[in-house]
Amino acid sequence: MKAIIVEDEKHARDHLQHLLHSIDPEIEIMAHLESVEATSKWLAEHEPELIFLDIHLADDLSFSLFEERQIDCPVIFTTAYDQYAIQAFKVNSIDYLLKPIDPDELRAALDKFLRLAKPQSLSIKALEQIFTQSHSPFFQKRFLVKKGEKISSVKVSDIAYFEGEDRYVSLIKRDGQRYFVDYKLADLEAMLDPNEFFRLNRSFICHFDAIANMHALSKSRVKVQLDPPSKREIIVSTDNTRLFKEWLNR
């Protein structure tokens, strides 16, 4: 097996290579690459059989690599972030491993690659089916909330957005009712379907239907107005703008 490791952190790169060789000493690591630009240039002249690909690279998210060139070989994503699983599904990924990488999960991913790569190459359609079968995330359907002595259950379909301020996070329903919830925004991000909800910035996660208006600002930022309205100004950061536009344009 000829593979490349695309990872901008040396410790993570060395650890992954050590795990790979402990599983199969015959694996040939053709190259170590740290950026989208370097990987794109390398792939223009070489053809690996498998790519181990981190998501947050030195110059950009690795998904931009698939926009620059056609990549036909399978990819195993290795990342510390679980919110990109759906996006990984849209490219030719056969697995999505969270750091720190578990040796058994890595071995299972390699077994999957070897099993499916023989006797013929994997098609994109087959890869999509594999990823769907092995990654069926559970997303929250409702949240238990309390106001005074009254306890109720709010369906996710009734939620407009979540707002974090100081140490508190509020759930805002489509009818404007507001409840405190015992979750951090980072926890909620993993619990909510990314097809329906997006993390706008450090303070807001919104539902697609809650976006009332958007305005372009300087430095590629976007100002968002929600319904029901928030008293705070909501700006999508420069780092999130491209993913935000892709999410809106899906």
C-alpha atoms as a PDB file:
ATOM      1  CA  MET A   1       0.000   0.000   0.000  1.00  0.00           C
ATOM      2  CA  LYS A   2       1.350   3.409  -0.999  1.00  0.00           C
ATOM      3  CA  ALA A   3      -0.048   6.249   1.072  1.00  0.00           C
ATOM      4  CA  ILE A   4       0.625   9.863   1.979  1.00  0.00           C
ATOM      5  CA  ILE A   5       0.049  11.664   5.268  1.00  0.00           C
ATOM      6  CA  VAL A   6      -1.220  15.226   5.069  1.00  0.00           C
ATOM      7  CA  GLU A   7      -0.841  16.715   8.542  1.00  0.00           C
ATOM      8  CA  ASP A   8       0.652  20.029   9.709  1.00  0.00           C
ATOM      9  CA  GLU A   9       1.480  18.914  13.262  1.00  0.00           C
ATOM     10  CA  LYS A  10       4.711  16.906  13.426  1.00  0.00           C
ATOM     11  CA  HIS A  11       3.734  15.041  16.600  1.00  0.00           C
ATOM     12  CA  ALA A  12       0.428  13.904  15.072  1.00  0.00           C
ATOM     13  CA  ARG A  13       2.167  12.990  11.802  1.00  0.00           C
ATOM     14  CA  ASP A  14       4.837  10.907  13.511  1.00  0.00           C
ATOM     15  CA  HIS A  15       2.265   9.233  15.755  1.00  0.00           C
ATOM     16  CA  LEU A  16       0.104   8.240  12.798  1.00  0.00           C
ATOM     17  CA  GLN A  17       3.059   6.823  10.887  1.00  0.00           C
ATOM     18  CA  HIS A  18       4.134   4.844  13.969  1.00  0.00           C
ATOM     19  CA  LEU A  19       0.621   3.388  14.295  1.00  0.00           C
ATOM     20  CA  LEU A  20       0.477   2.522  10.599  1.00  0.00           C
ATOM     21  CA  HIS A  21       3.795   0.688  10.640  1.00  0.00           C
ATOM     22  CA  SER A  22       2.867  -1.147  13.829  1.00  0.00           C
ATOM     23  CA  ILE A  23      -0.248  -2.411  12.023  1.00  0.00           C
ATOM     24  CA  ASP A  24       1.435  -3.116   8.690  1.00  0.00           C
ATOM     25  CA  PRO A  25       5.222  -2.619   8.293  1.00  0.00           C
ATOM     26  CA  GLU A  26       4.797  -2.929   4.515  1.00  0.00           C
ATOM     27  CA  ILE A  27       2.872   0.333   4.194  1.00  0.00           C
ATOM     28  CA  GLU A  28       4.949   2.797   2.187  1.00  0.00           C
ATOM     29  CA  ILE A  29       4.540   6.443   3.192  1.00  0.00           C
ATOM     30  CA  MET A  30       5.346   8.255  -0.026  1.00  0.00           C
ATOM     31  CA  ALA A  31       5.265  11.771   1.421  1.00  0.00           C
ATOM     32  CA  HIS A  32       4.526  13.937   4.450  1.00  0.00           C
ATOM     33  CA  LEU A  33       2.724  17.138   3.496  1.00  0.00           C
ATOM     34  CA  GLU A  34       1.562  20.062   5.620  1.00  0.00           C
ATOM     35  CA  SER A  35      -0.640  22.296   3.460  1.00  0.00           C
ATOM     36  CA  VAL A  36      -3.299  22.288   0.763  1.00  0.00           C
ATOM     37  CA  GLU A  37      -0.913  24.002  -1.653  1.00  0.00           C
ATOM     38  CA  ALA A  38       1.899  21.501  -1.153  1.00  0.00           C
ATOM     39  CA  THR A  39      -0.488  18.542  -1.387  1.00  0.00           C
ATOM     40  CA  SER A  40      -2.052  19.835  -4.591  1.00  0.00           C
ATOM     41  CA  LYS A  41       1.380  20.259  -6.217  1.00  0.00           C
ATOM     42  CA  TRP A  42       2.478  16.790  -5.054  1.00  0.00           C
ATOM     43  CA  LEU A  43      -0.673  15.108  -6.365  1.00  0.00           C
ATOM     44  CA  ALA A  44      -0.135  16.712  -9.757  1.00  0.00           C
ATOM     45  CA  GLU A  45       2.868  14.416 -10.221  1.00  0.00           C
ATOM     46  CA  HIS A  46       2.128  11.362  -8.067  1.00  0.00           C
ATOM     47  CA  GLU A  47      -0.681   8.854  -7.515  1.00  0.00           C
ATOM     48  CA  PRO A  48      -0.979   7.378  -4.025  1.00  0.00           C
ATOM     49  CA  GLU A  49      -3.359   4.542  -3.278  1.00  0.00           C
ATOM     50  CA  LEU A  50      -4.622   6.116  -0.063  1.00  0.00           C
ATOM     51  CA  ILE A  51      -4.533   9.550   1.576  1.00  0.00           C
ATOM     52  CA  PHE A  52      -4.563  10.198   5.320  1.00  0.00           C
ATOM     53  CA  LEU A  53      -5.872  13.742   5.464  1.00  0.00           C
ATOM     54  CA  ASP A  54      -6.148  16.169   8.367  1.00  0.00           C
ATOM     55  CA  ILE A  55      -8.854  18.846   7.995  1.00  0.00           C
ATOM     56  CA  HIS A  56      -7.271  21.942   9.555  1.00  0.00           C
ATOM     57  CA  LEU A  57      -4.041  22.452   7.615  1.00  0.00           C
ATOM     58  CA  ALA A  58      -1.453  25.213   7.661  1.00  0.00           C
ATOM     59  CA  ASP A  59      -3.071  27.281   4.891  1.00  0.00           C
ATOM     60  CA  ASP A  60      -6.717  26.181   4.661  1.00  0.00           C
ATOM     61  CA  LEU A  61      -9.265  23.470   5.348  1.00  0.00           C
ATOM     62  CA  SER A  62      -8.332  20.370   3.376  1.00  0.00           C
ATOM     63  CA  PHE A  63     -11.751  20.311   1.680  1.00  0.00           C
ATOM     64  CA  SER A  64     -10.474  23.059  -0.632  1.00  0.00           C
ATOM     65  CA  LEU A  65      -8.117  20.454  -2.080  1.00  0.00           C
ATOM     66  CA  PHE A  66     -11.087  18.731  -3.711  1.00  0.00           C
ATOM     67  CA  GLU A  67     -12.120  22.030  -5.294  1.00  0.00           C
ATOM     68  CA  GLU A  68      -8.695  22.490  -6.869  1.00  0.00           C
ATOM     69  CA  ARG A  69      -8.254  19.076  -8.458  1.00  0.00           C
ATOM     70  CA  GLN A  70      -9.842  15.710  -9.121  1.00  0.00           C
ATOM     71  CA  ILE A  71      -8.842  13.198  -6.459  1.00  0.00           C
ATOM     72  CA  ASP A  72      -9.709   9.613  -7.321  1.00  0.00           C
ATOM     73  CA  CYS A  73      -8.070   7.617  -4.557  1.00  0.00           C
ATOM     74  CA  PRO A  74      -9.808   6.923  -1.212  1.00  0.00           C
ATOM     75  CA  VAL A  75      -9.287   9.240   1.746  1.00  0.00           C
ATOM     76  CA  ILE A  76      -9.219   8.556   5.479  1.00  0.00           C
ATOM     77  CA  PHE A  77      -9.764  11.800   7.382  1.00  0.00           C
ATOM     78  CA  THR A  78      -7.852  12.257  10.643  1.00  0.00           C
ATOM     79  CA  THR A  79      -9.030  15.219  12.687  1.00  0.00           C
ATOM     80  CA  ALA A  80      -9.734  16.554  16.148  1.00  0.00           C
ATOM     81  CA  TYR A  81     -13.084  17.951  15.004  1.00  0.00           C
ATOM     82  CA  ASP A  82     -16.246  15.888  14.619  1.00  0.00           C
ATOM     83  CA  GLN A  83     -18.417  18.569  12.976  1.00  0.00           C
ATOM     84  CA  TYR A  84     -17.036  17.932   9.480  1.00  0.00           C
ATOM     85  CA  ALA A  85     -18.277  14.339   9.133  1.00  0.00           C
ATOM     86  CA  ILE A  86     -21.134  15.278   6.796  1.00  0.00           C
ATOM     87  CA  GLN A  87     -18.823  17.354   4.614  1.00  0.00           C
ATOM     88  CA  ALA A  88     -16.340  14.477   4.496  1.00  0.00           C
ATOM     89  CA  PHE A  89     -19.152  12.263   3.241  1.00  0.00           C
ATOM     90  CA  LYS A  90     -19.443  14.449   0.132  1.00  0.00           C
ATOM     91  CA  VAL A  91     -15.922  13.597  -1.021  1.00  0.00           C
ATOM     92  CA  ASN A  92     -14.336  10.174  -1.445  1.00  0.00           C
ATOM     93  CA  SER A  93     -13.856   9.352   2.214  1.00  0.00           C
ATOM     94  CA  ILE A  94     -13.941   5.785   3.498  1.00  0.00           C
ATOM     95  CA  ASP A  95     -13.484   6.703   7.148  1.00  0.00           C
ATOM     96  CA  TYR A  96     -13.322   9.609   9.593  1.00  0.00           C
ATOM     97  CA  LEU A  97     -10.997   9.099  12.554  1.00  0.00           C
ATOM     98  CA  LEU A  98     -10.990  11.453  15.520  1.00  0.00           C
ATOM     99  CA  LYS A  99      -7.744  12.362  17.274  1.00  0.00           C
ATOM    100  CA  PRO A 100      -6.201  10.973  19.336  1.00  0.00           C
ATOM    101  CA  ILE A 101      -6.427   8.129  16.856  1.00  0.00           C
ATOM    102  CA  ASP A 102      -7.383   4.800  18.340  1.00  0.00           C
ATOM    103  CA  PRO A 103      -5.185   1.946  16.959  1.00  0.00           C
ATOM    104  CA  ASP A 104      -8.180  -0.406  16.665  1.00  0.00           C
ATOM    105  CA  GLU A 105     -10.183   2.178  14.701  1.00  0.00           C
ATOM    106  CA  LEU A 106      -7.207   2.789  12.417  1.00  0.00           C
ATOM    107  CA  ARG A 107      -6.815  -0.945  11.865  1.00  0.00           C
ATOM    108  CA  ALA A 108     -10.516  -1.234  11.027  1.00  0.00           C
ATOM    109  CA  ALA A 109     -10.216   1.631   8.537  1.00  0.00           C
ATOM    110  CA  LEU A 110      -7.251  -0.056   6.825  1.00  0.00           C
ATOM    111  CA  ASP A 111      -9.085  -3.380   6.731  1.00  0.00           C
ATOM    112  CA  LYS A 112     -12.039  -1.637   5.119  1.00  0.00           C
ATOM    113  CA  PHE A 113      -9.775  -0.091   2.492  1.00  0.00           C
ATOM    114  CA  LEU A 114      -8.035  -3.386   1.700  1.00  0.00           C
ATOM    115  CA  ARG A 115     -11.272  -5.359   1.636  1.00  0.00           C
ATOM    116  CA  LEU A 116     -13.049  -2.962  -0.674  1.00  0.00           C
ATOM    117  CA  ALA A 117     -10.102  -2.101  -2.917  1.00  0.00           C
ATOM    118  CA  LYS A 118      -9.911  -5.682  -4.168  1.00  0.00           C
ATOM    119  CA  PRO A 119     -10.440  -6.928  -6.771  1.00  0.00           C
ATOM    120  CA  GLN A 120     -11.382  -3.582  -8.330  1.00  0.00           C
ATOM    121  CA  SER A 121     -11.092   0.088  -7.581  1.00  0.00           C
ATOM    122  CA  LEU A 122     -13.682   1.776  -5.426  1.00  0.00           C
ATOM    123  CA  SER A 123     -16.193   3.992  -7.169  1.00  0.00           C
ATOM    124  CA  ILE A 124     -17.353   7.257  -5.619  1.00  0.00           C
ATOM    125  CA  LYS A 125     -20.854   5.816  -5.316  1.00  0.00           C
ATOM    126  CA  ALA A 126     -19.510   2.813  -3.406  1.00  0.00           C
ATOM    127  CA  LEU A 127     -17.504   5.088  -1.123  1.00  0.00           C
ATOM    128  CA  GLU A 128     -20.591   7.157  -0.324  1.00  0.00           C
ATOM    129  CA  GLN A 129     -22.515   4.012   0.543  1.00  0.00           C
ATOM    130  CA  ILE A 130     -19.697   2.761   2.772  1.00  0.00           C
ATOM    131  CA  PHE A 131     -19.484   6.036   4.647  1.00  0.00           C
ATOM    132  CA  THR A 132     -23.248   6.212   5.101  1.00  0.00           C
ATOM    133  CA  GLN A 133     -23.404   2.707   6.518  1.00  0.00           C
ATOM    134  CA  SER A 134     -20.491   3.190   8.922  1.00  0.00           C
ATOM    135  CA  HIS A 135     -21.383   6.712  10.040  1.00  0.00           C
ATOM    136  CA  SER A 136     -25.018   7.096  11.022  1.00  0.00           C
ATOM    137  CA  PRO A 137     -24.797   9.845  13.655  1.00  0.00           C
ATOM    138  CA  PHE A 138     -27.545  10.307  16.197  1.00  0.00           C
ATOM    139  CA  PHE A 139     -28.804  13.867  16.394  1.00  0.00           C
ATOM    140  CA  GLN A 140     -30.885  15.347  19.185  1.00  0.00           C
ATOM    141  CA  LYS A 141     -34.643  15.300  18.574  1.00  0.00           C
ATOM    142  CA  ARG A 142     -35.804  17.404  21.541  1.00  0.00           C
ATOM    143  CA  PHE A 143     -34.502  19.285  24.576  1.00  0.00           C
ATOM    144  CA  LEU A 144     -35.866  19.263  28.109  1.00  0.00           C
ATOM    145  CA  VAL A 145     -36.217  22.856  29.366  1.00  0.00           C
ATOM    146  CA  LYS A 146     -37.438  24.509  32.548  1.00  0.00           C
ATOM    147  CA  LYS A 147     -38.973  27.909  33.244  1.00  0.00           C
ATOM    148  CA  GLY A 148     -39.896  28.484  36.855  1.00  0.00           C
ATOM    149  CA  GLU A 149     -41.556  25.311  38.089  1.00  0.00           C
ATOM    150  CA  LYS A 150     -42.723  24.303  34.618  1.00  0.00           C
ATOM    151  CA  ILE A 151     -40.779  21.635  32.723  1.00  0.00           C
ATOM    152  CA  SER A 152     -41.403  21.052  29.039  1.00  0.00           C
ATOM    153  CA  SER A 153     -39.850  19.323  26.051  1.00  0.00           C
ATOM    154  CA  VAL A 154     -38.960  21.402  22.984  1.00  0.00           C
ATOM    155  CA  LYS A 155     -38.749  19.735  19.589  1.00  0.00           C
ATOM    156  CA  VAL A 156     -35.630  20.579  17.605  1.00  0.00           C
ATOM    157  CA  SER A 157     -37.895  21.595  14.718  1.00  0.00           C
ATOM    158  CA  ASP A 158     -39.284  24.388  16.942  1.00  0.00           C
ATOM    159  CA  ILE A 159     -35.846  25.879  17.688  1.00  0.00           C
ATOM    160  CA  ALA A 160     -34.687  29.022  15.879  1.00  0.00           C
ATOM    161  CA  TYR A 161     -31.228  29.333  17.410  1.00  0.00           C
ATOM    162  CA  PHE A 162     -29.000  28.974  20.459  1.00  0.00           C
ATOM    163  CA  GLU A 163     -27.257  31.974  21.976  1.00  0.00           C
ATOM    164  CA  GLY A 164     -24.323  31.851  24.370  1.00  0.00           C
ATOM    165  CA  GLU A 165     -23.460  34.768  26.635  1.00  0.00           C
ATOM    166  CA  ASP A 166     -20.991  34.640  29.506  1.00  0.00           C
ATOM    167  CA  ARG A 167     -21.476  31.214  31.137  1.00  0.00           C
ATOM    168  CA  TYR A 168     -25.058  30.754  29.967  1.00  0.00           C
ATOM    169  CA  VAL A 169     -26.596  29.311  26.804  1.00  0.00           C
ATOM    170  CA  SER A 170     -30.173  30.073  25.790  1.00  0.00           C
ATOM    171  CA  LEU A 171     -32.486  28.130  23.513  1.00  0.00           C
ATOM    172  CA  ILE A 172     -34.700  30.461  21.478  1.00  0.00           C
ATOM    173  CA  LYS A 173     -37.835  29.015  19.930  1.00  0.00           C
ATOM    174  CA  ARG A 174     -39.365  30.192  16.683  1.00  0.00           C
ATOM    175  CA  ASP A 175     -42.139  31.935  18.652  1.00  0.00           C
ATOM    176  CA  GLY A 176     -39.570  33.943  20.621  1.00  0.00           C
ATOM    177  CA  GLN A 177     -39.695  32.000  23.889  1.00  0.00           C
ATOM    178  CA  ARG A 178     -36.303  31.740  25.556  1.00  0.00           C
ATOM    179  CA  TYR A 179     -34.999  29.025  27.887  1.00  0.00           C
ATOM    180  CA  PHE A 180     -31.645  28.372  29.535  1.00  0.00           C
ATOM    181  CA  VAL A 181     -30.092  24.993  28.704  1.00  0.00           C
ATOM    182  CA  ASP A 182     -27.346  23.098  30.520  1.00  0.00           C
ATOM    183  CA  TYR A 183     -25.095  22.675  27.486  1.00  0.00           C
ATOM    184  CA  LYS A 184     -22.103  24.475  26.044  1.00  0.00           C
ATOM    185  CA  LEU A 185     -22.322  25.601  22.418  1.00  0.00           C
ATOM    186  CA  ALA A 186     -19.522  23.172  21.564  1.00  0.00           C
ATOM    187  CA  ASP A 187     -21.636  20.307  22.943  1.00  0.00           C
ATOM    188  CA  LEU A 188     -24.718  21.476  21.039  1.00  0.00           C
ATOM    189  CA  GLU A 189     -22.741  21.683  17.810  1.00  0.00           C
ATOM    190  CA  ALA A 190     -22.128  17.938  17.966  1.00  0.00           C
ATOM    191  CA  MET A 191     -25.720  17.156  19.004  1.00  0.00           C
ATOM    192  CA  LEU A 192     -27.448  19.055  16.176  1.00  0.00           C
ATOM    193  CA  ASP A 193     -27.855  17.988  12.548  1.00  0.00           C
ATOM    194  CA  PRO A 194     -25.317  20.080  10.552  1.00  0.00           C
ATOM    195  CA  ASN A 195     -27.694  20.091   7.594  1.00  0.00           C
ATOM    196  CA  GLU A 196     -30.112  22.142   9.715  1.00  0.00           C
ATOM    197  CA  PHE A 197     -27.887  24.107  12.119  1.00  0.00           C
ATOM    198  CA  PHE A 198     -24.695  26.131  11.666  1.00  0.00           C
ATOM    199  CA  ARG A 199     -22.250  27.634  14.192  1.00  0.00           C
ATOM    200  CA  LEU A 200     -22.139  31.273  13.088  1.00  0.00           C
ATOM    201  CA  ASN A 201     -19.525  32.401  15.611  1.00  0.00           C
ATOM    202  CA  ARG A 202     -18.507  31.935  19.244  1.00  0.00           C
ATOM    203  CA  SER A 203     -21.979  32.926  20.482  1.00  0.00           C
ATOM    204  CA  PHE A 204     -24.620  31.664  18.017  1.00  0.00           C
ATOM    205  CA  ILE A 205     -25.807  28.419  16.441  1.00  0.00           C
ATOM    206  CA  CYS A 206     -28.777  29.009  14.162  1.00  0.00           C
ATOM    207  CA  HIS A 207     -31.310  26.978  12.225  1.00  0.00           C
ATOM    208  CA  PHE A 208     -31.401  27.498   8.480  1.00  0.00           C
ATOM    209  CA  ASP A 209     -34.972  28.840   8.598  1.00  0.00           C
ATOM    210  CA  ALA A 210     -34.126  31.386  11.309  1.00  0.00           C
ATOM    211  CA  ILE A 211     -31.971  33.476   8.968  1.00  0.00           C
ATOM    212  CA  ALA A 212     -33.993  36.579   8.082  1.00  0.00           C
ATOM    213  CA  ASN A 213     -31.386  38.751   6.316  1.00  0.00           C
ATOM    214  CA  MET A 214     -27.696  38.766   5.464  1.00  0.00           C
ATOM    215  CA  HIS A 215     -25.343  41.623   4.587  1.00  0.00           C
ATOM    216  CA  ALA A 216     -21.828  41.442   3.166  1.00  0.00           C
ATOM    217  CA  LEU A 217     -19.144  43.242   5.192  1.00  0.00           C
ATOM    218  CA  SER A 218     -15.456  43.901   4.652  1.00  0.00           C
ATOM    219  CA  LYS A 219     -12.842  41.134   4.925  1.00  0.00           C
ATOM    220  CA  SER A 220     -15.350  38.535   3.611  1.00  0.00           C
ATOM    221  CA  ARG A 221     -17.440  38.719   6.771  1.00  0.00           C
ATOM    222  CA  VAL A 222     -21.231  38.388   6.768  1.00  0.00           C
ATOM    223  CA  LYS A 223     -23.708  40.113   9.087  1.00  0.00           C
ATOM    224  CA  VAL A 224     -26.733  37.949   9.890  1.00  0.00           C
ATOM    225  CA  GLN A 225     -30.139  38.970  11.215  1.00  0.00           C
ATOM    226  CA  LEU A 226     -32.185  36.228  12.822  1.00  0.00           C
ATOM    227  CA  ASP A 227     -35.891  35.716  13.365  1.00  0.00           C
ATOM    228  CA  PRO A 228     -36.820  36.091  16.183  1.00  0.00           C
ATOM    229  CA  PRO A 229     -34.311  38.982  16.343  1.00  0.00           C
ATOM    230  CA  SER A 230     -31.398  39.049  18.746  1.00  0.00           C
ATOM    231  CA  LYS A 231     -30.378  42.226  20.558  1.00  0.00           C
ATOM    232  CA  ARG A 232     -26.740  41.455  19.739  1.00  0.00           C
ATOM    233  CA  GLU A 233     -24.992  42.015  16.413  1.00  0.00           C
ATOM    234  CA  ILE A 234     -24.196  38.705  14.715  1.00  0.00           C
ATOM    235  CA  ILE A 235     -21.141  38.559  12.456  1.00  0.00           C
ATOM    236  CA  VAL A 236     -19.947  35.384  10.735  1.00  0.00           C
ATOM    237  CA  SER A 237     -16.180  35.393  11.109  1.00  0.00           C
ATOM    238  CA  THR A 238     -13.834  35.430   8.136  1.00  0.00           C
ATOM    239  CA  ASP A 239     -12.719  31.869   8.927  1.00  0.00           C
ATOM    240  CA  ASN A 240     -16.316  30.598   8.862  1.00  0.00           C
ATOM    241  CA  THR A 241     -17.627  32.576   5.886  1.00  0.00           C
ATOM    242  CA  ARG A 242     -16.719  30.079   3.164  1.00  0.00           C
ATOM    243  CA  LEU A 243     -18.243  27.134   5.048  1.00  0.00           C
ATOM    244  CA  PHE A 244     -21.289  29.258   5.846  1.00  0.00           C
ATOM    245  CA  LYS A 245     -21.853  30.052   2.167  1.00  0.00           C
ATOM    246  CA  GLU A 246     -21.399  26.394   1.241  1.00  0.00           C
ATOM    247  CA  TRP A 247     -23.930  25.448   3.916  1.00  0.00           C
ATOM    248  CA  LEU A 248     -26.443  27.964   2.529  1.00  0.00           C
ATOM    249  CA  ASN A 249     -25.818  26.834  -1.041  1.00  0.00           C
ATOM    250  CA  ARG A 250     -26.110  23.078  -0.478  1.00  0.00           C
END
